Amino acid sequence: MPSRAVTIVVFTILLVGRAMASDFSFDIEAHRGGRALMPENTLPAFANALSMGVDTLELDVGVTADGEVVVSHERGLNPDLARDANGAYVTTPDTPFVKLRLEEVKRYDVGRIRPDSAYARQFPDQHAVPGTRIPTLKEVFALVRKSGNGRVRFNIETKIDPDHPDESLGPQAFVSRLLGLIATEGFSDRVMIQSFDWRTLQLVQQQAPRIPTVYLTLQRGSAPTVALDKATSWTAGFSPADHAGSLPRTIKAAGGAIWSPYFGDVTAALITEAHALGLRVVVWTVNKPEDIAGMIEIGVDGIISDRPDLLRRVAGEKGIALPAGTPVEP
C-alpha cells in the first residue's frame, strides 16, 4: 500500500497535469461572435455562439467620448452596418466613437448588412436581426452571466491605430479604461487582450501581468502590420531584425503569451518554433473546412473563425473535445 507521502505526490502530479491540459486545450473562438451567422459583435451573435458552444468569444472594443467601452470592429460607425433612425446607412468617412457619446452610438441599428455591399456578398447567409444596437462590453459580460457559462473566455482586441491617433483614445487612457472595466466586472481571470498595436499590449503586461497578451500580426496585402527586417509603427519599437528575423522570437522578447498570425502567414516550422519558445499559436480568420483541417494538422493551438459551427464540426472530426453550449437569449 503506498505511503501517505507518495499519495500526496501522485495527487499533486495529477492536479498539475489536469491544469496543464486545461491550459493547453484547443481554443475554438467565435470571430466577432461568428459574423457569418449573425450580425457581428452584437448580443445576438454572442448569444448564438454561447448557445452553440465555443471556448472563446472573440471581439473588438473602442471607447466613446463619455468613456464607455463599446464592442465594434471599426473605430467608428461602419457604413456597411450602421443605419440611422430613418433606415439610411451612414456615409463615409464614419465618425469615430471617441467623438460620440454612448447615447449617440445607441441610436444606430447594426442588425442588417447593407445589401449592395461587398460585406453582404461575403456573408450571404448571415441572419439579419433588425433593431440590434452596438453593445457595451459590460452588456456582453451580463449576457455571459445570464447564460450561466462559467468557463467561456474573452479575446478582446483593442481597436487603436498608431497611424490614426485622432480616431481613438491614446494607448494609456484606452488600456486603463478597459482594464478598469474588466476588473470591476470580475472577469480578469477569463480575458486575453489582443492587438495589432503592440503598445497597448506592453501596457497590459505592465498594469495587469496576469492577463495573457495576444500579439496579432499580418505580413501580406496592402497594409501589413509587421516586417521581418524592421520595426513598424505597430510593433512598439520591437524589430524582428534584432531577433534573427523571427516573429515568434520577437513576440517572446516583447513578453507575449500568444502569437496570433493571419493563417496564410503561418507554417508548421513557425508553429514548432513558437512552441519551443513557450508561445501558443492561435490563427485568424479561418472559415473553410479544408483550411480549418489543415491548421489543426500542422499544430495550431486555436482557431478564430467566422463560422464557429464549421470549426466545431471539423474539430470534432479531428477528435478535439468540444465545449458544451449554454443556451441563452440576447
Protein backbone atom coordinates (compact mmCIF):
# COMPACT_ATOMS: atom_id res chain seq x y z
CA MET A 1 0.00 0.00 0.00
CA PRO A 2 1.54 3.39 -0.97
CA SER A 3 2.60 5.76 1.79
CA ARG A 4 0.70 8.97 2.52
CA ALA A 5 3.62 10.99 1.12
CA VAL A 6 3.58 9.07 -2.15
CA THR A 7 -0.18 9.50 -2.39
CA ILE A 8 0.16 13.27 -1.93
CA VAL A 9 2.86 13.47 -4.61
CA VAL A 10 0.79 11.46 -7.09
CA PHE A 11 -2.29 13.57 -6.37
CA THR A 12 -0.27 16.75 -6.88
CA ILE A 13 1.06 15.49 -10.21
CA LEU A 14 -2.46 14.65 -11.33
CA LEU A 15 -3.66 18.14 -10.42
CA VAL A 16 -0.78 19.78 -12.26
CA GLY A 17 -1.40 17.55 -15.27
CA ARG A 18 -5.06 18.49 -15.34
CA ALA A 19 -4.19 22.18 -15.07
CA MET A 20 -1.71 21.87 -17.92
CA ALA A 21 -4.25 20.00 -20.04
CA SER A 22 -6.75 22.79 -19.39
CA ASP A 23 -4.20 25.49 -20.20
CA PHE A 24 -3.20 23.81 -23.44
CA SER A 25 -6.59 22.65 -24.70
CA PHE A 26 -7.58 23.60 -28.24
CA ASP A 27 -9.27 27.01 -28.43
CA ILE A 28 -12.42 27.36 -30.54
CA GLU A 29 -13.02 31.10 -30.99
CA ALA A 30 -16.09 32.77 -32.50
CA HIS A 31 -14.77 35.72 -34.53
CA ARG A 32 -16.86 38.79 -33.68
CA GLY A 33 -19.32 36.28 -32.25
CA GLY A 34 -19.49 34.36 -35.55
CA ARG A 35 -20.27 37.04 -38.11
CA ALA A 36 -21.06 34.65 -40.96
CA LEU A 37 -24.10 33.58 -38.95
CA MET A 38 -25.32 36.66 -37.05
CA PRO A 39 -24.65 40.44 -37.04
CA GLU A 40 -21.05 40.89 -35.96
CA ASN A 41 -20.06 41.94 -32.45
CA THR A 42 -23.67 42.03 -31.24
CA LEU A 43 -25.57 40.40 -28.40
CA PRO A 44 -27.45 38.12 -30.86
CA ALA A 45 -24.10 36.90 -32.24
CA PHE A 46 -22.61 36.25 -28.81
CA ALA A 47 -25.82 34.54 -27.64
CA ASN A 48 -25.68 32.29 -30.70
CA ALA A 49 -22.04 31.39 -30.02
CA LEU A 50 -22.74 30.67 -26.35
CA SER A 51 -25.73 28.51 -27.26
CA MET A 52 -23.66 26.60 -29.82
CA GLY A 53 -20.66 26.12 -27.56
CA VAL A 54 -17.30 27.85 -28.03
CA ASP A 55 -14.23 28.23 -25.85
CA THR A 56 -13.76 31.93 -26.51
CA LEU A 57 -15.79 34.91 -27.65
CA GLU A 58 -13.52 36.99 -29.87
CA LEU A 59 -14.49 40.66 -30.02
CA ASP A 60 -13.22 44.20 -30.55
CA VAL A 61 -13.62 47.31 -28.44
CA GLY A 62 -13.41 51.07 -28.62
CA VAL A 63 -14.09 53.86 -26.14
CA THR A 64 -16.71 56.58 -26.56
CA ALA A 65 -16.43 60.29 -25.80
CA ASP A 66 -18.03 59.67 -22.40
CA GLY A 67 -15.70 56.78 -21.56
CA GLU A 68 -17.93 53.79 -22.31
CA VAL A 69 -16.28 50.66 -23.71
CA VAL A 70 -18.27 49.60 -26.78
CA VAL A 71 -17.95 46.47 -28.89
CA SER A 72 -17.13 47.18 -32.54
CA HIS A 73 -14.51 46.10 -35.04
CA GLU A 74 -14.33 49.57 -36.55
CA ARG A 75 -13.11 52.62 -34.67
CA GLY A 76 -16.39 54.29 -35.58
CA LEU A 77 -19.72 53.66 -37.27
CA ASN A 78 -19.43 51.17 -40.13
CA PRO A 79 -21.17 52.31 -43.37
CA ASP A 80 -21.90 48.67 -44.23
CA LEU A 81 -23.74 48.10 -40.95
CA ALA A 82 -24.97 51.25 -39.22
CA ARG A 83 -28.39 52.71 -40.11
CA ASP A 84 -29.92 55.83 -38.62
CA ALA A 85 -33.49 56.25 -37.35
CA ASN A 86 -34.69 56.77 -40.93
CA GLY A 87 -33.16 53.48 -42.08
CA ALA A 88 -30.36 55.16 -44.05
CA TYR A 89 -26.87 53.70 -43.82
CA VAL A 90 -24.22 56.14 -42.63
CA THR A 91 -21.83 57.51 -45.22
CA THR A 92 -18.05 57.57 -45.21
CA PRO A 93 -15.99 58.82 -43.56
CA ASP A 94 -17.58 57.44 -40.42
CA THR A 95 -17.45 59.30 -37.10
CA PRO A 96 -15.01 57.78 -34.57
CA PHE A 97 -16.54 56.56 -31.32
CA VAL A 98 -14.16 58.76 -29.38
CA LYS A 99 -16.17 61.72 -30.74
CA LEU A 100 -19.59 60.20 -29.94
CA ARG A 101 -21.38 59.70 -26.64
CA LEU A 102 -22.88 56.30 -25.87
CA GLU A 103 -26.42 57.61 -26.29
CA GLU A 104 -25.49 58.69 -29.83
CA VAL A 105 -23.92 55.32 -30.64
CA LYS A 106 -27.05 53.52 -29.42
CA ARG A 107 -29.23 55.36 -31.95
CA TYR A 108 -27.88 53.26 -34.81
CA ASP A 109 -29.20 49.90 -35.96
CA VAL A 110 -26.44 47.39 -36.86
CA GLY A 111 -28.62 44.33 -37.35
CA ARG A 112 -28.59 44.11 -41.15
CA ILE A 113 -25.72 44.32 -43.65
CA ARG A 114 -26.00 46.92 -46.42
CA PRO A 115 -27.48 44.76 -49.22
CA ASP A 116 -25.30 46.04 -52.07
CA SER A 117 -22.00 45.84 -50.18
CA ALA A 118 -19.01 43.54 -50.60
CA TYR A 119 -19.61 42.54 -46.98
CA ALA A 120 -23.09 41.26 -47.89
CA ARG A 121 -21.62 39.20 -50.72
CA GLN A 122 -19.01 37.78 -48.35
CA PHE A 123 -21.62 36.63 -45.82
CA PRO A 124 -24.85 35.97 -47.75
CA ASP A 125 -26.20 33.62 -45.08
CA GLN A 126 -25.90 36.00 -42.14
CA HIS A 127 -29.23 36.12 -40.29
CA ALA A 128 -30.44 39.72 -40.06
CA VAL A 129 -31.71 40.96 -36.69
CA PRO A 130 -33.18 44.43 -37.31
CA GLY A 131 -33.17 46.71 -34.31
CA THR A 132 -29.87 45.40 -32.96
CA ARG A 133 -27.65 48.01 -31.32
CA ILE A 134 -23.91 48.23 -30.73
CA PRO A 135 -23.42 46.69 -27.27
CA THR A 136 -21.14 47.78 -24.48
CA LEU A 137 -18.60 45.32 -23.14
CA LYS A 138 -20.48 45.46 -19.85
CA GLU A 139 -23.60 44.20 -21.66
CA VAL A 140 -21.63 41.30 -23.15
CA PHE A 141 -20.39 40.33 -19.69
CA ALA A 142 -24.00 40.49 -18.44
CA LEU A 143 -25.12 38.18 -21.26
CA VAL A 144 -22.48 35.61 -20.30
CA ARG A 145 -23.59 35.76 -16.66
CA LYS A 146 -27.19 35.28 -17.79
CA SER A 147 -26.16 32.19 -19.77
CA GLY A 148 -24.65 30.59 -16.68
CA ASN A 149 -21.47 29.84 -18.62
CA GLY A 150 -18.67 29.95 -16.07
CA ARG A 151 -15.79 28.94 -18.34
CA VAL A 152 -16.07 30.76 -21.68
CA ARG A 153 -13.21 33.21 -22.23
CA PHE A 154 -12.97 36.56 -23.98
CA ASN A 155 -10.33 37.52 -26.54
CA ILE A 156 -10.64 41.31 -26.58
CA GLU A 157 -8.96 43.36 -29.29
CA THR A 158 -8.07 46.99 -28.70
CA LYS A 159 -9.11 48.90 -31.83
CA ILE A 160 -6.42 51.52 -31.92
CA ASP A 161 -4.30 52.56 -34.90
CA PRO A 162 -0.92 54.24 -34.34
CA ASP A 163 -1.22 55.92 -37.73
CA HIS A 164 -4.61 57.48 -36.89
CA PRO A 165 -4.27 58.70 -33.29
CA ASP A 166 -7.25 61.05 -33.59
CA GLU A 167 -9.65 58.13 -34.06
CA SER A 168 -9.36 56.65 -30.56
CA LEU A 169 -8.12 57.32 -27.07
CA GLY A 170 -4.36 57.16 -26.64
CA PRO A 171 -2.88 53.80 -25.60
CA GLN A 172 -2.60 54.59 -21.87
CA ALA A 173 -6.12 56.00 -21.50
CA PHE A 174 -7.57 53.19 -23.64
CA VAL A 175 -5.90 50.42 -21.65
CA SER A 176 -6.74 52.00 -18.29
CA ARG A 177 -10.41 52.27 -19.18
CA LEU A 178 -10.55 48.69 -20.50
CA LEU A 179 -8.67 47.08 -17.61
CA GLY A 180 -10.70 49.05 -15.08
CA LEU A 181 -13.97 47.75 -16.53
CA ILE A 182 -12.73 44.16 -16.71
CA ALA A 183 -11.64 44.28 -13.06
CA THR A 184 -14.87 45.92 -11.90
CA GLU A 185 -16.93 43.28 -13.71
CA GLY A 186 -14.86 40.45 -12.22
CA PHE A 187 -13.63 38.90 -15.47
CA SER A 188 -9.87 39.46 -15.15
CA ASP A 189 -9.20 35.72 -14.95
CA ARG A 190 -11.18 34.98 -18.13
CA VAL A 191 -9.85 37.51 -20.61
CA MET A 192 -7.00 37.80 -23.07
CA ILE A 193 -6.10 41.15 -24.62
CA GLN A 194 -5.09 41.12 -28.28
CA SER A 195 -3.93 43.86 -30.62
CA PHE A 196 -2.08 44.68 -33.80
CA ASP A 197 -0.91 47.77 -31.90
CA TRP A 198 1.66 46.29 -29.56
CA ARG A 199 1.86 49.49 -27.49
CA THR A 200 -1.40 48.52 -25.79
CA LEU A 201 -0.10 45.01 -25.09
CA GLN A 202 3.01 46.39 -23.43
CA LEU A 203 0.79 48.48 -21.15
CA VAL A 204 -1.42 45.50 -20.30
CA GLN A 205 1.67 43.49 -19.35
CA GLN A 206 2.79 46.30 -17.04
CA GLN A 207 -0.58 47.00 -15.43
CA ALA A 208 -2.20 43.55 -15.38
CA PRO A 209 0.60 40.99 -15.79
CA ARG A 210 -1.70 38.02 -15.11
CA ILE A 211 -3.79 38.76 -18.22
CA PRO A 212 -2.36 36.94 -21.28
CA THR A 213 -1.44 39.18 -24.20
CA VAL A 214 -2.07 38.12 -27.78
CA TYR A 215 0.20 39.60 -30.46
CA LEU A 216 -1.69 39.94 -33.74
CA THR A 217 0.33 40.04 -36.97
CA LEU A 218 -0.30 40.44 -40.69
CA GLN A 219 2.57 40.12 -43.17
CA ARG A 220 0.80 40.35 -46.52
CA GLY A 221 -1.55 42.52 -48.53
CA SER A 222 -1.66 46.29 -48.86
CA ALA A 223 -1.47 47.03 -45.14
CA PRO A 224 0.88 44.62 -43.33
CA THR A 225 1.46 45.41 -39.66
CA VAL A 226 4.84 43.70 -39.31
CA ALA A 227 8.02 43.38 -41.36
CA LEU A 228 10.79 40.88 -40.73
CA ASP A 229 13.60 43.38 -41.35
CA LYS A 230 12.49 46.33 -39.22
CA ALA A 231 10.14 47.68 -36.59
CA THR A 232 6.90 49.25 -37.81
CA SER A 233 4.56 51.79 -36.26
CA TRP A 234 2.55 48.85 -34.91
CA THR A 235 5.29 46.96 -33.07
CA ALA A 236 6.13 49.29 -30.17
CA GLY A 237 9.78 49.51 -31.19
CA PHE A 238 10.33 45.75 -31.42
CA SER A 239 12.09 44.66 -34.62
CA PRO A 240 12.34 41.08 -35.89
CA ALA A 241 15.70 42.13 -37.35
CA ASP A 242 17.01 42.10 -33.77
CA HIS A 243 15.75 38.52 -33.33
CA ALA A 244 17.12 36.73 -36.41
CA GLY A 245 14.12 37.83 -38.49
CA SER A 246 11.81 35.69 -36.36
CA LEU A 247 8.34 36.84 -35.36
CA PRO A 248 8.00 34.19 -32.62
CA ARG A 249 11.31 35.30 -31.08
CA THR A 250 10.27 38.95 -31.33
CA ILE A 251 6.95 38.29 -29.61
CA LYS A 252 8.66 36.25 -26.90
CA ALA A 253 11.08 39.14 -26.32
CA ALA A 254 8.11 41.53 -26.12
CA GLY A 255 6.58 39.41 -23.36
CA GLY A 256 3.68 37.91 -25.28
CA ALA A 257 1.89 34.70 -24.32
CA ILE A 258 0.17 34.02 -27.64
CA TRP A 259 1.06 34.70 -31.26
CA SER A 260 -1.99 35.28 -33.46
CA PRO A 261 -0.99 35.47 -37.14
CA TYR A 262 -3.14 35.52 -40.25
CA PHE A 263 -3.45 31.83 -41.07
CA GLY A 264 -1.93 32.29 -44.52
CA ASP A 265 1.31 33.54 -42.93
CA VAL A 266 1.92 30.53 -40.70
CA THR A 267 3.80 27.28 -41.37
CA ALA A 268 4.40 24.09 -39.41
CA ALA A 269 8.02 25.18 -38.87
CA LEU A 270 6.94 28.52 -37.39
CA ILE A 271 4.48 26.78 -35.08
CA THR A 272 7.23 24.44 -33.90
CA GLU A 273 9.50 27.43 -33.27
CA ALA A 274 6.78 29.26 -31.34
CA HIS A 275 6.01 26.21 -29.21
CA ALA A 276 9.71 25.77 -28.40
CA LEU A 277 9.64 29.33 -27.04
CA GLY A 278 6.56 28.62 -24.91
CA LEU A 279 4.16 30.57 -27.13
CA ARG A 280 0.72 29.36 -28.12
CA VAL A 281 -0.38 29.97 -31.72
CA VAL A 282 -3.98 30.96 -32.47
CA VAL A 283 -4.63 31.79 -36.13
CA TRP A 284 -7.20 34.07 -37.75
CA THR A 285 -9.59 34.06 -39.64
CA VAL A 286 -10.22 30.52 -40.93
CA ASN A 287 -13.62 29.77 -42.47
CA LYS A 288 -13.25 26.92 -44.98
CA PRO A 289 -13.38 23.32 -43.68
CA GLU A 290 -10.26 22.31 -45.59
CA ASP A 291 -8.30 25.26 -44.18
CA ILE A 292 -9.53 24.54 -40.65
CA ALA A 293 -8.42 20.92 -41.01
CA GLY A 294 -5.05 21.99 -42.38
CA MET A 295 -4.38 24.35 -39.49
CA ILE A 296 -5.27 21.67 -36.94
CA GLU A 297 -2.99 19.20 -38.71
CA ILE A 298 0.06 21.49 -38.54
CA GLY A 299 -0.41 22.01 -34.82
CA VAL A 300 -2.07 25.36 -34.09
CA ASP A 301 -3.42 25.79 -30.56
CA GLY A 302 -6.61 27.50 -31.60
CA ILE A 303 -8.58 28.96 -34.49
CA ILE A 304 -10.60 32.15 -34.79
CA SER A 305 -13.46 31.69 -37.26
CA ASP A 306 -16.50 33.49 -38.63
CA ARG A 307 -18.05 30.01 -38.84
CA PRO A 308 -17.81 28.53 -35.34
CA ASP A 309 -20.33 25.90 -36.44
CA LEU A 310 -17.93 24.60 -39.10
CA LEU A 311 -14.99 24.95 -36.74
CA ARG A 312 -16.79 22.79 -34.17
CA ARG A 313 -17.63 20.19 -36.80
CA VAL A 314 -14.10 19.85 -38.16
CA ALA A 315 -12.53 19.96 -34.70
CA GLY A 316 -14.87 17.18 -33.57
CA GLU A 317 -13.93 15.10 -36.60
CA LYS A 318 -10.28 15.55 -35.57
CA GLY A 319 -11.01 14.18 -32.11
CA ILE A 320 -10.91 17.53 -30.30
CA ALA A 321 -13.19 17.80 -27.27
CA LEU A 322 -15.96 20.31 -27.93
CA PRO A 323 -17.22 22.83 -25.38
CA ALA A 324 -20.81 22.46 -24.25
CA GLY A 325 -23.31 25.10 -25.26
CA THR A 326 -25.20 27.24 -22.77
CA PRO A 327 -28.41 28.36 -24.49
CA VAL A 328 -29.31 31.99 -23.87
CA GLU A 329 -31.45 34.66 -25.48
CA PRO A 330 -29.84 38.05 -26.19
